[in-house]
Amino acid sequence: MKRISNLLSPFAMIAALSLSLQGAAGTSVTSGALMFTSGVGVIDIAGQSGFRLRSPVDSTSGRFDAASQCSELDCGPGTVVSLFAAWSGNDLSGTLRFKGHSYALGSESADGALGRVQFDGSVTLPPFNTSGTVDIDVPISLSGQIQFNDTGAVEPLAGTGIATVQFKRSADGSAWQFSNATYALTK
């Protein structure tokens, strides 16, 4: 009997580790987007297991680097612009649906959930052109997590996609200034 339990222990540990690794993989976000302009935006993303998150966002309660970095005359051609954007806790409020359940996102109530989403990437600004605007497509990534108040469970989030970022030439012609962005998530 002792021999069997010694033999089963490594198998049990491998099975437990396998389950932990599967749980740590989390939810793959496969569609939707962050749309941002003039200091405000909306995150509307979806993925596996019926995951759907919709939240208004702004640059006052969160962070959107491209807008803050290129709002003045600091972004000439060749400037590397951060596409980092992040919101969490009560600043990520709205609705969440996951595995058939609805949650009040940004709420600490029993039917609520608290989340964190973070987008990352960067873009190098091109030379000036005659049109005075430029649209740039670059890869971005999404990471984050949702913590469900009813169970305390934490669900990691991950995804990739393409950011389309528009810049316009400043009135004095010396810099690119942020205009708007769409960070689209894809499979």
Protein backbone atom coordinates (compact mmCIF):
# COMPACT_ATOMS: atom_id res chain seq x y z
CA MET A 1 0.00 0.00 0.00
CA LYS A 2 2.79 2.40 0.86
CA ARG A 3 4.37 1.73 -2.50
CA ILE A 4 1.19 2.59 -4.39
CA SER A 5 0.76 5.87 -2.51
CA ASN A 6 4.38 6.75 -3.26
CA LEU A 7 3.72 5.93 -6.89
CA LEU A 8 0.48 7.92 -6.96
CA SER A 9 1.94 10.97 -5.23
CA PRO A 10 4.08 12.04 -8.20
CA PHE A 11 1.09 11.51 -10.52
CA ALA A 12 -1.19 13.47 -8.19
CA MET A 13 1.37 16.29 -8.02
CA ILE A 14 1.67 16.39 -11.82
CA ALA A 15 -2.13 16.45 -12.19
CA ALA A 16 -2.44 19.27 -9.62
CA LEU A 17 0.34 21.23 -11.33
CA SER A 18 -1.34 20.72 -14.69
CA LEU A 19 -4.64 22.05 -13.34
CA SER A 20 -2.84 25.05 -11.80
CA LEU A 21 -1.12 25.84 -15.08
CA GLN A 22 -4.40 25.60 -16.98
CA GLY A 23 -6.06 27.99 -14.51
CA ALA A 24 -3.11 30.40 -14.71
CA ALA A 25 -3.49 30.60 -18.50
CA GLY A 26 -6.66 32.62 -18.01
CA THR A 27 -8.94 34.08 -20.63
CA SER A 28 -7.78 34.89 -24.12
CA VAL A 29 -9.27 38.21 -25.27
CA THR A 30 -9.93 37.74 -28.99
CA SER A 31 -12.05 40.67 -30.17
CA GLY A 32 -13.16 44.18 -29.42
CA ALA A 33 -11.13 47.32 -28.87
CA LEU A 34 -10.05 50.28 -26.80
CA MET A 35 -11.16 53.43 -28.63
CA PHE A 36 -9.65 56.69 -27.31
CA THR A 37 -9.82 60.35 -28.33
CA SER A 38 -9.79 63.74 -26.57
CA GLY A 39 -8.97 62.31 -23.14
CA VAL A 40 -11.86 59.80 -23.06
CA GLY A 41 -12.59 56.41 -24.48
CA VAL A 42 -14.28 53.08 -24.09
CA ILE A 43 -12.97 49.54 -23.67
CA ASP A 44 -15.30 46.97 -25.24
CA ILE A 45 -13.58 43.58 -25.42
CA ALA A 46 -14.64 39.92 -25.61
CA GLY A 47 -13.06 36.50 -25.42
CA GLN A 48 -13.30 32.90 -24.27
CA SER A 49 -15.94 31.54 -21.90
CA GLY A 50 -18.45 34.25 -22.76
CA PHE A 51 -16.10 36.98 -21.51
CA ARG A 52 -17.32 40.52 -22.34
CA LEU A 53 -16.08 43.70 -20.65
CA ARG A 54 -17.38 47.19 -21.40
CA SER A 55 -16.09 50.24 -19.53
CA PRO A 56 -15.81 53.97 -20.13
CA VAL A 57 -12.26 55.21 -19.48
CA ASP A 58 -10.45 58.54 -19.33
CA SER A 59 -6.95 59.91 -18.95
CA THR A 60 -7.74 61.52 -15.58
CA SER A 61 -8.46 58.25 -13.76
CA GLY A 62 -6.14 56.04 -15.76
CA ARG A 63 -3.18 56.33 -18.03
CA PHE A 64 -2.94 56.77 -21.80
CA ASP A 65 0.66 57.60 -22.68
CA ALA A 66 0.33 58.54 -26.36
CA ALA A 67 -2.07 61.38 -25.56
CA SER A 68 -0.03 62.74 -22.67
CA GLN A 69 3.34 62.31 -24.41
CA CYS A 70 2.24 64.02 -27.64
CA SER A 71 -0.21 66.66 -26.42
CA GLU A 72 2.37 69.46 -26.52
CA LEU A 73 5.11 70.04 -29.10
CA ASP A 74 7.29 67.18 -27.83
CA CYS A 75 6.82 64.62 -30.62
CA GLY A 76 8.81 65.31 -33.74
CA PRO A 77 9.62 62.78 -36.46
CA GLY A 78 11.66 59.88 -35.07
CA THR A 79 10.18 60.15 -31.56
CA VAL A 80 9.34 56.78 -30.01
CA VAL A 81 5.85 57.11 -28.53
CA SER A 82 4.63 54.77 -25.79
CA LEU A 83 1.24 53.19 -26.46
CA PHE A 84 0.93 52.06 -22.84
CA ALA A 85 -2.58 52.48 -21.42
CA ALA A 86 -3.96 51.16 -18.13
CA TRP A 87 -7.00 51.32 -15.85
CA SER A 88 -7.82 49.41 -12.66
CA GLY A 89 -10.08 49.16 -9.65
CA ASN A 90 -12.91 51.68 -9.49
CA ASP A 91 -11.51 53.47 -12.57
CA LEU A 92 -12.47 50.43 -14.66
CA SER A 93 -16.24 50.50 -14.19
CA GLY A 94 -19.06 49.22 -16.31
CA THR A 95 -20.31 45.76 -17.11
CA LEU A 96 -18.68 42.36 -17.18
CA ARG A 97 -20.07 39.03 -18.35
CA PHE A 98 -18.17 35.79 -17.79
CA LYS A 99 -19.26 32.13 -17.89
CA GLY A 100 -22.94 33.08 -17.97
CA HIS A 101 -22.80 35.49 -15.01
CA SER A 102 -23.08 39.29 -15.04
CA TYR A 103 -20.98 41.48 -12.74
CA ALA A 104 -20.88 45.18 -11.89
CA LEU A 105 -17.33 46.04 -12.89
CA GLY A 106 -15.56 48.42 -10.50
CA SER A 107 -17.93 47.54 -7.66
CA GLU A 108 -16.98 46.02 -4.33
CA SER A 109 -20.48 44.59 -3.83
CA ALA A 110 -21.14 40.83 -3.76
CA ASP A 111 -22.20 40.85 -7.45
CA GLY A 112 -19.23 42.99 -8.42
CA ALA A 113 -15.75 42.44 -9.79
CA LEU A 114 -12.59 44.50 -9.76
CA GLY A 115 -10.30 44.49 -12.75
CA ARG A 116 -7.09 45.71 -14.26
CA VAL A 117 -6.39 46.05 -17.97
CA GLN A 118 -3.14 47.16 -19.50
CA PHE A 119 -2.24 47.70 -23.15
CA ASP A 120 1.37 47.98 -24.28
CA GLY A 121 3.28 48.80 -27.43
CA SER A 122 5.18 51.65 -29.05
CA VAL A 123 5.44 53.50 -32.34
CA THR A 124 8.17 55.59 -33.99
CA LEU A 125 6.78 58.73 -35.58
CA PRO A 126 7.46 59.12 -39.31
CA PRO A 127 8.72 62.20 -41.19
CA PHE A 128 6.14 64.94 -41.84
CA ASN A 129 3.95 64.50 -44.92
CA THR A 130 1.90 66.85 -47.07
CA SER A 131 -1.49 65.71 -45.70
CA GLY A 132 -0.73 66.83 -42.15
CA THR A 133 -2.04 63.57 -40.63
CA VAL A 134 -0.70 60.07 -40.34
CA ASP A 135 -2.31 56.75 -39.36
CA ILE A 136 0.14 54.19 -37.99
CA ASP A 137 -0.64 50.49 -37.42
CA VAL A 138 1.52 48.63 -34.89
CA PRO A 139 1.21 45.47 -32.75
CA ILE A 140 -0.02 45.83 -29.18
CA SER A 141 -0.59 43.44 -26.29
CA LEU A 142 -3.20 43.31 -23.55
CA SER A 143 -2.72 41.90 -20.07
CA GLY A 144 -4.73 42.13 -16.90
CA GLN A 145 -6.99 40.32 -14.50
CA ILE A 146 -10.47 40.24 -13.04
CA GLN A 147 -11.16 39.42 -9.39
CA PHE A 148 -14.69 38.22 -8.70
CA ASN A 149 -16.06 39.40 -5.36
CA ASP A 150 -18.46 36.46 -4.88
CA THR A 151 -15.74 33.79 -5.04
CA GLY A 152 -12.47 35.72 -4.66
CA ALA A 153 -11.24 33.95 -7.80
CA VAL A 154 -8.83 35.82 -10.06
CA GLU A 155 -9.00 35.37 -13.83
CA PRO A 156 -5.92 36.49 -15.82
CA LEU A 157 -6.52 38.20 -19.17
CA ALA A 158 -4.24 38.23 -22.21
CA GLY A 159 -4.54 39.25 -25.83
CA THR A 160 -2.81 40.74 -28.83
CA GLY A 161 -3.86 42.97 -31.65
CA ILE A 162 -3.16 46.00 -33.78
CA ALA A 163 -3.24 49.63 -32.68
CA THR A 164 -4.20 52.21 -35.29
CA VAL A 165 -2.97 55.53 -33.96
CA GLN A 166 -3.59 58.85 -35.71
CA PHE A 167 -1.39 61.90 -35.28
CA LYS A 168 -1.88 65.35 -36.78
CA ARG A 169 0.75 67.96 -37.48
CA SER A 170 0.77 70.83 -34.97
CA ALA A 171 -0.47 74.27 -36.05
CA ASP A 172 3.10 75.63 -36.15
CA GLY A 173 4.24 72.55 -38.13
CA SER A 174 6.96 71.53 -35.66
CA ALA A 175 5.52 68.34 -34.12
CA TRP A 176 3.08 65.45 -34.40
CA GLN A 177 0.21 65.62 -31.90
CA PHE A 178 -1.98 62.71 -30.80
CA SER A 179 -5.43 62.71 -32.41
CA ASN A 180 -7.09 59.32 -31.69
CA ALA A 181 -6.44 55.60 -31.37
CA THR A 182 -8.14 52.25 -31.73
CA TYR A 183 -6.43 49.26 -30.11
CA ALA A 184 -8.19 46.32 -31.80
CA LEU A 185 -7.80 42.82 -30.29
CA THR A 186 -7.59 39.84 -32.64
CA LYS A 187 -7.38 36.07 -32.39
